Amino acid sequence: AALMATPEIIVEKPELLLYEKSASGTLELVAIE
């Protein structure tokens, strides 16, 4: 939320991380937003 509120875009610090939940229940990073 802190990054989402700033006007700057920092390529190395995306505001959101997107995960996929596997059949076993673990979360795996799939994308940034």
All heavy atoms as atom14 arrays in JSON, in Angstrom:
{
  "sequence": "AALMATPEIIVEKPELLLYEKSASGTLELVAIE",
  "atom14_mask": [
    [1, 1, 1, 1, 1, 0, 0, 0, 0, 0, 0, 0, 0, 0],
    [1, 1, 1, 1, 1, 0, 0, 0, 0, 0, 0, 0, 0, 0],
    [1, 1, 1, 1, 1, 1, 1, 1, 0, 0, 0, 0, 0, 0],
    [1, 1, 1, 1, 1, 1, 1, 1, 0, 0, 0, 0, 0, 0],
    [1, 1, 1, 1, 1, 0, 0, 0, 0, 0, 0, 0, 0, 0],
    [1, 1, 1, 1, 1, 1, 1, 0, 0, 0, 0, 0, 0, 0],
    [1, 1, 1, 1, 1, 1, 1, 0, 0, 0, 0, 0, 0, 0],
    [1, 1, 1, 1, 1, 1, 1, 1, 1, 0, 0, 0, 0, 0],
    [1, 1, 1, 1, 1, 1, 1, 1, 0, 0, 0, 0, 0, 0],
    [1, 1, 1, 1, 1, 1, 1, 1, 0, 0, 0, 0, 0, 0],
    [1, 1, 1, 1, 1, 1, 1, 0, 0, 0, 0, 0, 0, 0],
    [1, 1, 1, 1, 1, 1, 1, 1, 1, 0, 0, 0, 0, 0],
    [1, 1, 1, 1, 1, 1, 1, 1, 1, 0, 0, 0, 0, 0],
    [1, 1, 1, 1, 1, 1, 1, 0, 0, 0, 0, 0, 0, 0],
    [1, 1, 1, 1, 1, 1, 1, 1, 1, 0, 0, 0, 0, 0],
    [1, 1, 1, 1, 1, 1, 1, 1, 0, 0, 0, 0, 0, 0],
    [1, 1, 1, 1, 1, 1, 1, 1, 0, 0, 0, 0, 0, 0],
    [1, 1, 1, 1, 1, 1, 1, 1, 0, 0, 0, 0, 0, 0],
    [1, 1, 1, 1, 1, 1, 1, 1, 1, 1, 1, 1, 0, 0],
    [1, 1, 1, 1, 1, 1, 1, 1, 1, 0, 0, 0, 0, 0],
    [1, 1, 1, 1, 1, 1, 1, 1, 1, 0, 0, 0, 0, 0],
    [1, 1, 1, 1, 1, 1, 0, 0, 0, 0, 0, 0, 0, 0],
    [1, 1, 1, 1, 1, 0, 0, 0, 0, 0, 0, 0, 0, 0],
    [1, 1, 1, 1, 1, 1, 0, 0, 0, 0, 0, 0, 0, 0],
    [1, 1, 1, 1, 0, 0, 0, 0, 0, 0, 0, 0, 0, 0],
    [1, 1, 1, 1, 1, 1, 1, 0, 0, 0, 0, 0, 0, 0],
    [1, 1, 1, 1, 1, 1, 1, 1, 0, 0, 0, 0, 0, 0],
    [1, 1, 1, 1, 1, 1, 1, 1, 1, 0, 0, 0, 0, 0],
    [1, 1, 1, 1, 1, 1, 1, 1, 0, 0, 0, 0, 0, 0],
    [1, 1, 1, 1, 1, 1, 1, 0, 0, 0, 0, 0, 0, 0],
    [1, 1, 1, 1, 1, 0, 0, 0, 0, 0, 0, 0, 0, 0],
    [1, 1, 1, 1, 1, 1, 1, 1, 0, 0, 0, 0, 0, 0],
    [1, 1, 1, 1, 1, 1, 1, 1, 1, 0, 0, 0, 0, 0]
  ],
  "atom14_positions": [
    [[0.82, -1.22, 0.0], [0.0, 0.0, 0.0], [0.85, 1.27, 0.0], [0.48, 2.26, -0.63], [-0.95, 0.0, 1.2], [0.0, 0.0, 0.0], [0.0, 0.0, 0.0], [0.0, 0.0, 0.0], [0.0, 0.0, 0.0], [0.0, 0.0, 0.0], [0.0, 0.0, 0.0], [0.0, 0.0, 0.0], [0.0, 0.0, 0.0], [0.0, 0.0, 0.0]],
    [[1.99, 1.24, 0.67], [2.86, 2.42, 0.7], [3.39, 2.73, -0.7], [3.39, 3.88, -1.12], [4.01, 2.2, 1.68], [0.0, 0.0, 0.0], [0.0, 0.0, 0.0], [0.0, 0.0, 0.0], [0.0, 0.0, 0.0], [0.0, 0.0, 0.0], [0.0, 0.0, 0.0], [0.0, 0.0, 0.0], [0.0, 0.0, 0.0], [0.0, 0.0, 0.0]],
    [[3.81, 1.71, -1.44], [4.28, 1.94, -2.81], [3.14, 2.36, -3.72], [3.33, 3.18, -4.62], [4.96, 0.69, -3.36], [6.34, 0.35, -2.81], [6.82, -0.98, -3.36], [7.33, 1.45, -3.12], [0.0, 0.0, 0.0], [0.0, 0.0, 0.0], [0.0, 0.0, 0.0], [0.0, 0.0, 0.0], [0.0, 0.0, 0.0], [0.0, 0.0, 0.0]],
    [[1.95, 1.82, -3.51], [0.8, 2.17, -4.35], [0.42, 3.64, -4.19], [-0.15, 4.23, -5.1], [-0.4, 1.28, -4.01], [-0.22, -0.16, -4.44], [-1.52, -1.25, -3.83], [-2.9, -0.77, -4.85], [0.0, 0.0, 0.0], [0.0, 0.0, 0.0], [0.0, 0.0, 0.0], [0.0, 0.0, 0.0], [0.0, 0.0, 0.0], [0.0, 0.0, 0.0]],
    [[0.74, 4.23, -3.07], [0.35, 5.61, -2.79], [1.37, 6.64, -3.31], [1.08, 7.82, -3.32], [0.17, 5.8, -1.28], [0.0, 0.0, 0.0], [0.0, 0.0, 0.0], [0.0, 0.0, 0.0], [0.0, 0.0, 0.0], [0.0, 0.0, 0.0], [0.0, 0.0, 0.0], [0.0, 0.0, 0.0], [0.0, 0.0, 0.0], [0.0, 0.0, 0.0]],
    [[2.54, 6.2, -3.74], [3.57, 7.14, -4.19], [3.43, 7.41, -5.69], [2.97, 6.55, -6.44], [4.98, 6.6, -3.92], [5.19, 5.43, -4.72], [5.17, 6.28, -2.45], [0.0, 0.0, 0.0], [0.0, 0.0, 0.0], [0.0, 0.0, 0.0], [0.0, 0.0, 0.0], [0.0, 0.0, 0.0], [0.0, 0.0, 0.0], [0.0, 0.0, 0.0]],
    [[3.85, 8.59, -6.14], [3.78, 8.9, -7.57], [4.93, 8.31, -8.38], [4.84, 8.2, -9.59], [3.81, 10.42, -7.61], [4.53, 10.82, -6.37], [4.19, 9.76, -5.35], [0.0, 0.0, 0.0], [0.0, 0.0, 0.0], [0.0, 0.0, 0.0], [0.0, 0.0, 0.0], [0.0, 0.0, 0.0], [0.0, 0.0, 0.0], [0.0, 0.0, 0.0]],
    [[6.01, 7.9, -7.71], [7.17, 7.37, -8.43], [6.96, 5.92, -8.84], [6.3, 5.15, -8.16], [8.44, 7.44, -7.54], [8.85, 8.81, -7.12], [8.11, 9.29, -5.89], [7.68, 8.46, -5.08], [7.92, 10.51, -5.77], [0.0, 0.0, 0.0], [0.0, 0.0, 0.0], [0.0, 0.0, 0.0], [0.0, 0.0, 0.0], [0.0, 0.0, 0.0]],
    [[7.57, 5.57, -9.96], [7.6, 4.18, -10.4], [9.04, 3.72, -10.25], [9.95, 4.29, -10.86], [7.15, 4.04, -11.87], [5.72, 4.53, -12.02], [7.31, 2.6, -12.33], [5.28, 4.69, -13.45], [0.0, 0.0, 0.0], [0.0, 0.0, 0.0], [0.0, 0.0, 0.0], [0.0, 0.0, 0.0], [0.0, 0.0, 0.0], [0.0, 0.0, 0.0]],
    [[9.25, 2.71, -9.44], [10.58, 2.15, -9.23], [10.54, 0.74, -9.82], [9.88, -0.15, -9.27], [10.95, 2.12, -7.74], [10.85, 3.53, -7.15], [12.34, 1.54, -7.54], [10.94, 3.59, -5.65], [0.0, 0.0, 0.0], [0.0, 0.0, 0.0], [0.0, 0.0, 0.0], [0.0, 0.0, 0.0], [0.0, 0.0, 0.0], [0.0, 0.0, 0.0]],
    [[11.22, 0.54, -10.93], [11.14, -0.73, -11.66], [11.45, -1.91, -10.75], [10.8, -2.95, -10.82], [12.08, -0.72, -12.89], [12.12, -2.07, -13.56], [11.65, 0.36, -13.87], [0.0, 0.0, 0.0], [0.0, 0.0, 0.0], [0.0, 0.0, 0.0], [0.0, 0.0, 0.0], [0.0, 0.0, 0.0], [0.0, 0.0, 0.0], [0.0, 0.0, 0.0]],
    [[12.42, -1.75, -9.87], [12.84, -2.85, -8.99], [11.91, -3.07, -7.81], [12.11, -4.0, -7.04], [14.26, -2.58, -8.45], [15.32, -2.46, -9.5], [15.42, -1.04, -10.09], [14.74, -0.11, -9.58], [16.15, -0.89, -11.07], [0.0, 0.0, 0.0], [0.0, 0.0, 0.0], [0.0, 0.0, 0.0], [0.0, 0.0, 0.0], [0.0, 0.0, 0.0]],
    [[10.91, -2.21, -7.66], [9.97, -2.32, -6.53], [8.53, -2.25, -7.04], [7.84, -1.24, -6.87], [10.22, -1.21, -5.51], [11.55, -1.32, -4.81], [11.68, -0.25, -3.76], [12.99, -0.39, -3.03], [13.12, 0.61, -1.97], [0.0, 0.0, 0.0], [0.0, 0.0, 0.0], [0.0, 0.0, 0.0], [0.0, 0.0, 0.0], [0.0, 0.0, 0.0]],
    [[8.03, -3.33, -7.64], [6.64, -3.31, -8.11], [5.68, -3.2, -6.92], [5.98, -3.68, -5.82], [6.49, -4.65, -8.82], [7.55, -5.52, -8.23], [8.69, -4.61, -7.86], [0.0, 0.0, 0.0], [0.0, 0.0, 0.0], [0.0, 0.0, 0.0], [0.0, 0.0, 0.0], [0.0, 0.0, 0.0], [0.0, 0.0, 0.0], [0.0, 0.0, 0.0]],
    [[4.55, -2.59, -7.18], [3.57, -2.36, -6.11], [2.84, -3.63, -5.69], [2.38, -3.73, -4.56], [2.55, -1.31, -6.57], [3.11, 0.09, -6.66], [3.99, 0.33, -7.89], [3.93, -0.44, -8.86], [4.75, 1.31, -7.86], [0.0, 0.0, 0.0], [0.0, 0.0, 0.0], [0.0, 0.0, 0.0], [0.0, 0.0, 0.0], [0.0, 0.0, 0.0]],
    [[2.71, -4.59, -6.61], [2.01, -5.84, -6.29], [2.8, -7.05, -6.77], [3.47, -6.98, -7.8], [0.63, -5.87, -6.95], [-0.37, -4.84, -6.46], [-0.45, -3.68, -7.43], [-1.73, -5.46, -6.3], [0.0, 0.0, 0.0], [0.0, 0.0, 0.0], [0.0, 0.0, 0.0], [0.0, 0.0, 0.0], [0.0, 0.0, 0.0], [0.0, 0.0, 0.0]],
    [[2.68, -8.14, -6.02], [3.22, -9.43, -6.42], [2.05, -10.37, -6.64], [1.1, -10.38, -5.85], [4.15, -9.99, -5.34], [5.36, -9.13, -4.96], [6.13, -9.78, -3.83], [6.26, -8.89, -6.16], [0.0, 0.0, 0.0], [0.0, 0.0, 0.0], [0.0, 0.0, 0.0], [0.0, 0.0, 0.0], [0.0, 0.0, 0.0], [0.0, 0.0, 0.0]],
    [[2.09, -11.16, -7.71], [1.01, -12.08, -8.03], [1.49, -13.51, -7.86], [2.56, -13.88, -8.37], [0.53, -11.88, -9.47], [-0.38, -10.68, -9.71], [0.35, -9.37, -9.54], [-0.99, -10.77, -11.07], [0.0, 0.0, 0.0], [0.0, 0.0, 0.0], [0.0, 0.0, 0.0], [0.0, 0.0, 0.0], [0.0, 0.0, 0.0], [0.0, 0.0, 0.0]],
    [[0.69, -14.29, -7.14], [1.04, -15.67, -6.84], [-0.04, -16.61, -7.37], [-1.21, -16.25, -7.47], [1.15, -15.88, -5.33], [2.35, -15.2, -4.71], [2.28, -13.87, -4.31], [3.54, -15.89, -4.53], [3.38, -13.23, -3.76], [4.64, -15.26, -3.97], [4.56, -13.94, -3.59], [5.65, -13.31, -3.04], [0.0, 0.0, 0.0], [0.0, 0.0, 0.0]],
    [[0.38, -17.83, -7.65], [-0.53, -18.9, -8.02], [-0.46, -19.95, -6.92], [0.63, -20.29, -6.45], [-0.09, -19.52, -9.35], [-0.89, -20.71, -9.79], [-0.39, -21.27, -11.11], [0.84, -21.4, -11.28], [-1.23, -21.56, -11.96], [0.0, 0.0, 0.0], [0.0, 0.0, 0.0], [0.0, 0.0, 0.0], [0.0, 0.0, 0.0], [0.0, 0.0, 0.0]],
    [[-1.64, -20.45, -6.51], [-1.67, -21.51, -5.5], [-1.67, -22.85, -6.21], [-2.5, -23.1, -7.08], [-2.89, -21.38, -4.61], [-2.86, -22.34, -3.42], [-4.09, -22.21, -2.55], [-3.93, -21.03, -1.63], [-5.02, -20.98, -0.63], [0.0, 0.0, 0.0], [0.0, 0.0, 0.0], [0.0, 0.0, 0.0], [0.0, 0.0, 0.0], [0.0, 0.0, 0.0]],
    [[-0.74, -23.71, -5.83], [-0.66, -25.03, -6.44], [-1.69, -25.97, -5.82], [-2.33, -25.64, -4.82], [0.75, -25.61, -6.24], [0.94, -25.95, -4.88], [0.0, 0.0, 0.0], [0.0, 0.0, 0.0], [0.0, 0.0, 0.0], [0.0, 0.0, 0.0], [0.0, 0.0, 0.0], [0.0, 0.0, 0.0], [0.0, 0.0, 0.0], [0.0, 0.0, 0.0]],
    [[-1.84, -27.14, -6.4], [-2.77, -28.14, -5.87], [-2.41, -28.54, -4.45], [-3.28, -28.9, -3.65], [-2.81, -29.36, -6.78], [0.0, 0.0, 0.0], [0.0, 0.0, 0.0], [0.0, 0.0, 0.0], [0.0, 0.0, 0.0], [0.0, 0.0, 0.0], [0.0, 0.0, 0.0], [0.0, 0.0, 0.0], [0.0, 0.0, 0.0], [0.0, 0.0, 0.0]],
    [[-1.12, -28.46, -4.1], [-0.69, -28.81, -2.75], [-0.85, -27.67, -1.76], [-0.62, -27.84, -0.57], [0.78, -29.27, -2.77], [1.61, -28.17, -3.11], [0.0, 0.0, 0.0], [0.0, 0.0, 0.0], [0.0, 0.0, 0.0], [0.0, 0.0, 0.0], [0.0, 0.0, 0.0], [0.0, 0.0, 0.0], [0.0, 0.0, 0.0], [0.0, 0.0, 0.0]],
    [[-1.23, -26.48, -2.26], [-1.5, -25.35, -1.38], [-0.37, -24.35, -1.24], [-0.52, -23.35, -0.55], [0.0, 0.0, 0.0], [0.0, 0.0, 0.0], [0.0, 0.0, 0.0], [0.0, 0.0, 0.0], [0.0, 0.0, 0.0], [0.0, 0.0, 0.0], [0.0, 0.0, 0.0], [0.0, 0.0, 0.0], [0.0, 0.0, 0.0], [0.0, 0.0, 0.0]],
    [[0.77, -24.6, -1.87], [1.87, -23.65, -1.79], [1.64, -22.5, -2.76], [1.0, -22.66, -3.8], [3.22, -24.32, -2.1], [3.19, -24.83, -3.43], [3.53, -25.43, -1.13], [0.0, 0.0, 0.0], [0.0, 0.0, 0.0], [0.0, 0.0, 0.0], [0.0, 0.0, 0.0], [0.0, 0.0, 0.0], [0.0, 0.0, 0.0], [0.0, 0.0, 0.0]],
    [[2.17, -21.33, -2.42], [2.08, -20.17, -3.29], [3.38, -20.02, -4.07], [4.46, -20.12, -3.5], [1.83, -18.89, -2.49], [0.47, -18.77, -1.82], [0.41, -17.51, -0.98], [-0.63, -18.75, -2.87], [0.0, 0.0, 0.0], [0.0, 0.0, 0.0], [0.0, 0.0, 0.0], [0.0, 0.0, 0.0], [0.0, 0.0, 0.0], [0.0, 0.0, 0.0]],
    [[3.24, -19.79, -5.37], [4.41, -19.6, -6.23], [4.28, -18.27, -6.95], [3.23, -17.96, -7.53], [4.5, -20.75, -7.24], [4.7, -22.09, -6.59], [4.73, -23.24, -7.59], [4.85, -22.99, -8.8], [4.64, -24.38, -7.13], [0.0, 0.0, 0.0], [0.0, 0.0, 0.0], [0.0, 0.0, 0.0], [0.0, 0.0, 0.0], [0.0, 0.0, 0.0]],
    [[5.35, -17.47, -6.92], [5.36, -16.18, -7.58], [5.27, -16.38, -9.09], [6.01, -17.17, -9.66], [6.65, -15.43, -7.22], [6.8, -14.0, -7.73], [5.71, -13.1, -7.17], [8.17, -13.46, -7.37], [0.0, 0.0, 0.0], [0.0, 0.0, 0.0], [0.0, 0.0, 0.0], [0.0, 0.0, 0.0], [0.0, 0.0, 0.0], [0.0, 0.0, 0.0]],
    [[4.31, -15.68, -9.73], [4.12, -15.83, -11.18], [4.29, -14.52, -11.93], [4.64, -14.51, -13.11], [2.75, -16.46, -11.53], [2.69, -17.91, -11.05], [1.6, -15.64, -10.98], [0.0, 0.0, 0.0], [0.0, 0.0, 0.0], [0.0, 0.0, 0.0], [0.0, 0.0, 0.0], [0.0, 0.0, 0.0], [0.0, 0.0, 0.0], [0.0, 0.0, 0.0]],
    [[4.05, -13.38, -11.27], [4.11, -12.1, -11.98], [4.26, -10.95, -10.99], [4.08, -11.12, -9.78], [2.85, -11.89, -12.82], [0.0, 0.0, 0.0], [0.0, 0.0, 0.0], [0.0, 0.0, 0.0], [0.0, 0.0, 0.0], [0.0, 0.0, 0.0], [0.0, 0.0, 0.0], [0.0, 0.0, 0.0], [0.0, 0.0, 0.0], [0.0, 0.0, 0.0]],
    [[4.55, -9.78, -11.56], [4.53, -8.54, -10.8], [3.51, -7.62, -11.45], [3.12, -7.83, -12.6], [5.91, -7.86, -10.74], [6.42, -7.55, -12.15], [6.89, -8.71, -9.97], [7.72, -6.77, -12.18], [0.0, 0.0, 0.0], [0.0, 0.0, 0.0], [0.0, 0.0, 0.0], [0.0, 0.0, 0.0], [0.0, 0.0, 0.0], [0.0, 0.0, 0.0]],
    [[3.07, -6.64, -10.68], [2.14, -5.66, -11.23], [2.57, -4.27, -10.76], [2.83, -4.05, -9.58], [0.72, -5.94, -10.76], [-0.31, -4.98, -11.32], [-1.73, -5.33, -10.89], [-1.96, -6.44, -10.38], [-2.61, -4.46, -11.05], [0.0, 0.0, 0.0], [0.0, 0.0, 0.0], [0.0, 0.0, 0.0], [0.0, 0.0, 0.0], [0.0, 0.0, 0.0]]
  ]
}
